[in-house]
Amino acid sequence: MYFLMLLLVGVVLCFWFPYGPIIVGGIIFAVVIDQYRQTMYMREDIQAIKNHLKLMSREESEDYEADQEYKDIDRISSERMEVINRKIEAVLERDNKHKKT
């Protein structure tokens, strides 16, 4: 629907203004970015619902919790930050050992 409407507006602008295609290109770009942003918000909401209902696998749940901690990083105390850093270092060391073997 949006695309057809923008196509019609683009054709009209191309006849009226010499810079019509540039304007239409900007409008289409803005619509695509807005749709992407809305999709990302819906994805985050779906993940929150799946986590709340315990529908995620263990690995997905761990990734979700890590993402939530990353988003809340500004509100984390320094002691909590040290604990998180130690966990990350332990995981990296474990992965490094697995790569060597």
Protein backbone atom coordinates (compact mmCIF):
# COMPACT_ATOMS: atom_id res chain seq x y z
CA MET A 1 0.00 0.00 0.00
CA TYR A 2 2.74 2.42 1.01
CA PHE A 3 4.79 1.55 -2.02
CA LEU A 4 1.97 2.21 -4.49
CA MET A 5 1.13 5.51 -2.82
CA LEU A 6 4.79 6.56 -2.89
CA LEU A 7 5.09 5.49 -6.51
CA LEU A 8 2.14 7.69 -7.46
CA VAL A 9 3.56 10.63 -5.49
CA GLY A 10 6.95 10.01 -7.11
CA VAL A 11 5.54 10.13 -10.62
CA VAL A 12 3.72 13.39 -9.86
CA LEU A 13 6.83 14.93 -8.28
CA CYS A 14 8.98 13.84 -11.24
CA PHE A 15 6.75 15.83 -13.58
CA TRP A 16 6.51 18.92 -11.37
CA PHE A 17 10.01 19.21 -9.95
CA PRO A 18 13.38 18.33 -11.45
CA TYR A 19 14.48 16.95 -8.05
CA GLY A 20 11.37 14.83 -7.58
CA PRO A 21 13.14 11.45 -7.76
CA ILE A 22 15.55 12.55 -5.02
CA ILE A 23 12.68 13.61 -2.79
CA VAL A 24 10.82 10.35 -3.43
CA GLY A 25 14.00 8.38 -2.74
CA GLY A 26 14.33 10.14 0.61
CA ILE A 27 10.71 9.42 1.47
CA ILE A 28 11.06 5.74 0.56
CA PHE A 29 14.26 5.51 2.62
CA ALA A 30 12.47 7.03 5.63
CA VAL A 31 9.56 4.60 5.28
CA VAL A 32 11.92 1.61 5.08
CA ILE A 33 13.87 2.77 8.16
CA ASP A 34 10.62 3.31 10.08
CA GLN A 35 9.39 -0.19 9.19
CA TYR A 36 12.74 -1.66 10.29
CA ARG A 37 12.55 0.19 13.61
CA GLN A 38 9.01 -1.04 14.23
CA THR A 39 10.05 -4.60 13.38
CA MET A 40 12.90 -4.43 15.88
CA TYR A 41 10.55 -3.19 18.63
CA MET A 42 8.13 -6.04 17.88
CA ARG A 43 11.01 -8.55 17.95
CA GLU A 44 12.12 -7.27 21.37
CA ASP A 45 8.56 -7.50 22.67
CA ILE A 46 8.17 -11.06 21.37
CA GLN A 47 11.43 -12.08 23.03
CA ALA A 48 10.28 -10.55 26.33
CA ILE A 49 6.99 -12.45 26.13
CA LYS A 50 8.73 -15.73 25.26
CA ASN A 51 11.12 -15.26 28.18
CA HIS A 52 8.27 -14.47 30.57
CA LEU A 53 6.32 -17.55 29.47
CA LYS A 54 9.49 -19.72 29.60
CA LEU A 55 9.18 -20.65 25.92
CA MET A 56 12.86 -20.01 25.17
CA SER A 57 15.51 -22.67 25.13
CA ARG A 58 18.24 -22.43 27.75
CA GLU A 59 20.70 -20.88 25.29
CA GLU A 60 18.16 -18.35 24.00
CA SER A 61 17.25 -17.42 27.55
CA GLU A 62 20.90 -16.85 28.46
CA ASP A 63 21.38 -14.68 25.37
CA TYR A 64 18.25 -12.71 26.19
CA GLU A 65 19.38 -12.12 29.78
CA ALA A 66 22.83 -11.02 28.56
CA ASP A 67 21.22 -8.58 26.12
CA GLN A 68 19.02 -7.18 28.89
CA GLU A 69 22.06 -6.72 31.14
CA TYR A 70 23.89 -5.00 28.29
CA LYS A 71 20.99 -2.58 27.80
CA ASP A 72 20.89 -1.80 31.52
CA ILE A 73 24.65 -1.24 31.72
CA ASP A 74 24.31 2.43 32.71
CA ARG A 75 22.36 1.51 35.83
CA ILE A 76 24.69 -1.26 37.02
CA SER A 77 26.88 -0.70 40.06
CA SER A 78 30.63 -1.20 39.82
CA GLU A 79 30.49 -4.37 41.95
CA ARG A 80 27.91 -5.92 39.65
CA MET A 81 29.99 -4.84 36.64
CA GLU A 82 33.00 -6.71 38.05
CA VAL A 83 30.91 -9.88 38.45
CA ILE A 84 29.69 -9.61 34.86
CA ASN A 85 33.23 -9.06 33.61
CA ARG A 86 34.45 -12.14 35.49
CA LYS A 87 31.65 -14.22 33.94
CA ILE A 88 32.54 -12.97 30.47
CA GLU A 89 36.23 -13.68 31.04
CA ALA A 90 35.41 -17.21 32.25
CA VAL A 91 33.31 -17.90 29.15
CA LEU A 92 36.02 -16.55 26.88
CA GLU A 93 38.69 -18.65 28.60
CA ARG A 94 36.49 -21.74 28.33
CA ASP A 95 35.89 -21.09 24.63
CA ASN A 96 39.59 -20.48 24.10
CA LYS A 97 40.43 -23.83 25.73
CA HIS A 98 37.88 -25.61 23.53
CA LYS A 99 39.41 -24.07 20.39
CA LYS A 100 42.88 -25.31 21.34
CA THR A 101 41.71 -28.90 21.76
